[in-house]
Amino acid sequence: MKYLFIAFCLLSLPKLSFAQTDEKAAVIATVQALFDAMAAKDSVSARKLLLPAGASYITQQANDSTPASYWAHDNIILQMRKAENQVRERMWNIEVLVHDRIAQLWANYDFYVNGQFRHCGVDAFILIKEKDGWKIASGAFTIEKTGCEAPPTNN
């Protein structure tokens, strides 16, 4: 009986590993979909990815005396609707933690406006899995204008 249990556990490991990998990929895809919506100025798609009561917090590089800025998700959607500039955000060095219906994504990023580099930093997102997929509950990111790490490729 003991050997049957061990065999069952060993056979279950690949399934658990693939399920975890699939969830991590879904979390990354959700954040990337938000970046794509921002680039397309598609507030309708973005709203589907953001939990309504969520918010993001922004910190400035090496400026401990300035409080973090607060952006409610509704304000992010409003700004996207009024956007005149073309934006592009890329992420790399992505780390994802998933447990049940919560996830955290942490990544380096760079941000461009009308094709010009604006800043870089670290993005941190908390996501919640709803019946229709992963949703962004909150975010925090740094804004750094110097000392930016280059992405692994220029894409």
Protein backbone atom coordinates (compact mmCIF):
# COMPACT_ATOMS: atom_id res chain seq x y z
CA MET A 1 0.00 0.00 0.00
CA LYS A 2 2.86 2.36 0.85
CA TYR A 3 4.37 1.84 -2.62
CA LEU A 4 1.04 2.54 -4.28
CA PHE A 5 0.82 5.87 -2.45
CA ILE A 6 4.40 6.80 -3.43
CA ALA A 7 3.71 5.87 -7.07
CA PHE A 8 0.54 7.98 -7.04
CA CYS A 9 2.44 10.96 -5.62
CA LEU A 10 5.20 10.67 -8.18
CA LEU A 11 2.73 10.42 -11.05
CA SER A 12 0.85 13.47 -9.73
CA LEU A 13 3.92 15.72 -9.64
CA PRO A 14 3.99 16.47 -13.37
CA LYS A 15 0.30 17.43 -13.31
CA LEU A 16 0.86 19.80 -10.39
CA SER A 17 3.88 21.28 -12.11
CA PHE A 18 2.02 21.83 -15.39
CA ALA A 19 -0.98 23.34 -13.60
CA GLN A 20 1.29 25.78 -11.75
CA THR A 21 3.09 26.65 -15.00
CA ASP A 22 -0.25 27.21 -16.77
CA GLU A 23 -1.44 29.52 -13.97
CA LYS A 24 1.81 31.48 -14.04
CA ALA A 25 1.50 31.88 -17.80
CA ALA A 26 -2.10 33.08 -17.36
CA VAL A 27 -0.99 35.66 -14.78
CA ILE A 28 1.72 36.97 -17.13
CA ALA A 29 -0.78 37.05 -20.00
CA THR A 30 -3.19 39.12 -17.90
CA VAL A 31 -0.59 41.79 -17.12
CA GLN A 32 0.61 41.77 -20.74
CA ALA A 33 -3.00 42.19 -21.88
CA LEU A 34 -3.21 45.33 -19.71
CA PHE A 35 -0.03 46.70 -21.34
CA ASP A 36 -1.49 45.87 -24.77
CA ALA A 37 -4.74 47.64 -23.87
CA MET A 38 -2.77 50.70 -22.73
CA ALA A 39 -0.87 50.75 -26.05
CA ALA A 40 -4.13 50.42 -27.99
CA LYS A 41 -5.88 53.01 -25.77
CA ASP A 42 -8.51 50.31 -25.25
CA SER A 43 -10.16 51.21 -21.96
CA VAL A 44 -12.92 48.62 -22.46
CA SER A 45 -10.41 45.75 -22.52
CA ALA A 46 -8.43 47.27 -19.66
CA ARG A 47 -11.54 47.54 -17.46
CA LYS A 48 -12.12 43.78 -17.89
CA LEU A 49 -8.63 43.12 -16.48
CA LEU A 50 -8.83 45.42 -13.43
CA LEU A 51 -10.85 44.80 -10.30
CA PRO A 52 -13.11 47.85 -9.81
CA ALA A 53 -12.01 48.79 -6.29
CA GLY A 54 -8.31 48.30 -7.05
CA ALA A 55 -5.54 50.84 -7.26
CA SER A 56 -1.87 51.30 -8.09
CA TYR A 57 0.82 53.08 -6.10
CA ILE A 58 3.76 54.85 -7.69
CA THR A 59 7.07 55.78 -6.08
CA GLN A 60 9.73 58.10 -7.48
CA GLN A 61 13.38 57.09 -7.64
CA ALA A 62 15.36 57.78 -4.43
CA ASN A 63 12.82 60.25 -3.14
CA ASP A 64 11.84 58.96 0.28
CA SER A 65 10.31 62.31 1.27
CA THR A 66 7.62 62.22 -1.41
CA PRO A 67 4.62 60.03 -0.58
CA ALA A 68 3.65 57.35 -3.06
CA SER A 69 1.10 58.49 -5.63
CA TYR A 70 -2.25 56.71 -5.68
CA TRP A 71 -4.19 55.87 -8.84
CA ALA A 72 -7.58 54.21 -8.50
CA HIS A 73 -8.35 51.77 -11.31
CA ASP A 74 -11.24 54.00 -12.40
CA ASN A 75 -8.78 56.87 -12.84
CA ILE A 76 -6.44 54.68 -14.89
CA ILE A 77 -9.36 53.84 -17.20
CA LEU A 78 -10.33 57.52 -17.47
CA GLN A 79 -6.75 58.55 -18.32
CA MET A 80 -6.58 55.81 -20.96
CA ARG A 81 -9.75 57.16 -22.62
CA LYS A 82 -8.27 60.67 -22.79
CA ALA A 83 -4.78 59.56 -23.86
CA GLU A 84 -3.32 61.50 -26.75
CA ASN A 85 0.12 59.90 -26.63
CA GLN A 86 1.15 56.44 -27.72
CA VAL A 87 2.53 54.40 -24.80
CA ARG A 88 4.46 51.15 -24.68
CA GLU A 89 5.46 49.17 -21.60
CA ARG A 90 7.65 46.07 -21.67
CA MET A 91 8.49 43.69 -18.84
CA TRP A 92 11.22 41.11 -18.27
CA ASN A 93 12.89 39.18 -15.42
CA ILE A 94 9.36 38.14 -14.54
CA GLU A 95 8.73 36.31 -11.29
CA VAL A 96 5.29 34.91 -10.51
CA LEU A 97 3.99 33.33 -7.33
CA VAL A 98 0.63 31.57 -7.36
CA HIS A 99 -1.35 30.06 -4.51
CA ASP A 100 -4.91 28.98 -5.09
CA ARG A 101 -6.69 32.12 -6.37
CA ILE A 102 -4.05 34.74 -5.55
CA ALA A 103 -0.93 35.59 -7.50
CA GLN A 104 1.89 38.09 -7.44
CA LEU A 105 3.87 39.23 -10.47
CA TRP A 106 7.15 41.12 -10.07
CA ALA A 107 9.14 42.31 -13.10
CA ASN A 108 11.53 44.89 -14.44
CA TYR A 109 9.94 47.21 -16.97
CA ASP A 110 10.60 50.12 -19.27
CA PHE A 111 8.09 52.68 -20.45
CA TYR A 112 7.99 54.69 -23.67
CA VAL A 113 5.80 57.61 -24.76
CA ASN A 114 5.57 58.27 -28.50
CA GLY A 115 8.57 55.98 -29.00
CA GLN A 116 10.79 57.91 -26.57
CA PHE A 117 12.12 56.32 -23.38
CA ARG A 118 10.43 57.89 -20.35
CA HIS A 119 11.43 55.73 -17.38
CA CYS A 120 11.98 52.21 -16.10
CA GLY A 121 11.62 50.42 -12.79
CA VAL A 122 9.95 47.48 -11.13
CA ASP A 123 6.30 46.53 -11.50
CA ALA A 124 4.57 44.54 -8.75
CA PHE A 125 1.02 43.31 -9.27
CA ILE A 126 -1.39 41.37 -7.08
CA LEU A 127 -3.97 39.36 -9.00
CA ILE A 128 -7.11 37.49 -7.95
CA LYS A 129 -8.57 34.63 -9.96
CA GLU A 130 -12.25 35.17 -10.69
CA LYS A 131 -14.59 32.79 -12.52
CA ASP A 132 -13.65 34.44 -15.84
CA GLY A 133 -9.89 34.51 -15.23
CA TRP A 134 -7.17 36.49 -13.48
CA LYS A 135 -7.88 40.12 -12.57
CA ILE A 136 -5.45 42.77 -11.37
CA ALA A 137 -6.37 43.77 -7.82
CA SER A 138 -3.55 46.21 -7.21
CA GLY A 139 -0.17 47.33 -8.41
CA ALA A 140 2.86 49.22 -7.28
CA PHE A 141 5.72 50.43 -9.37
CA THR A 142 8.83 52.51 -9.20
CA ILE A 143 9.66 55.31 -11.62
CA GLU A 144 13.38 55.41 -12.29
CA LYS A 145 14.98 57.70 -14.84
CA THR A 146 18.58 56.56 -14.32
CA GLY A 147 20.33 53.25 -13.72
CA CYS A 148 17.86 51.34 -15.84
CA GLU A 149 18.58 47.71 -16.52
CA ALA A 150 18.46 46.86 -20.20
CA PRO A 151 15.96 44.23 -21.28
CA PRO A 152 17.42 40.92 -22.46
CA THR A 153 16.47 41.73 -26.07
CA ASN A 154 15.43 44.85 -27.93
CA ASN A 155 11.86 44.01 -28.84
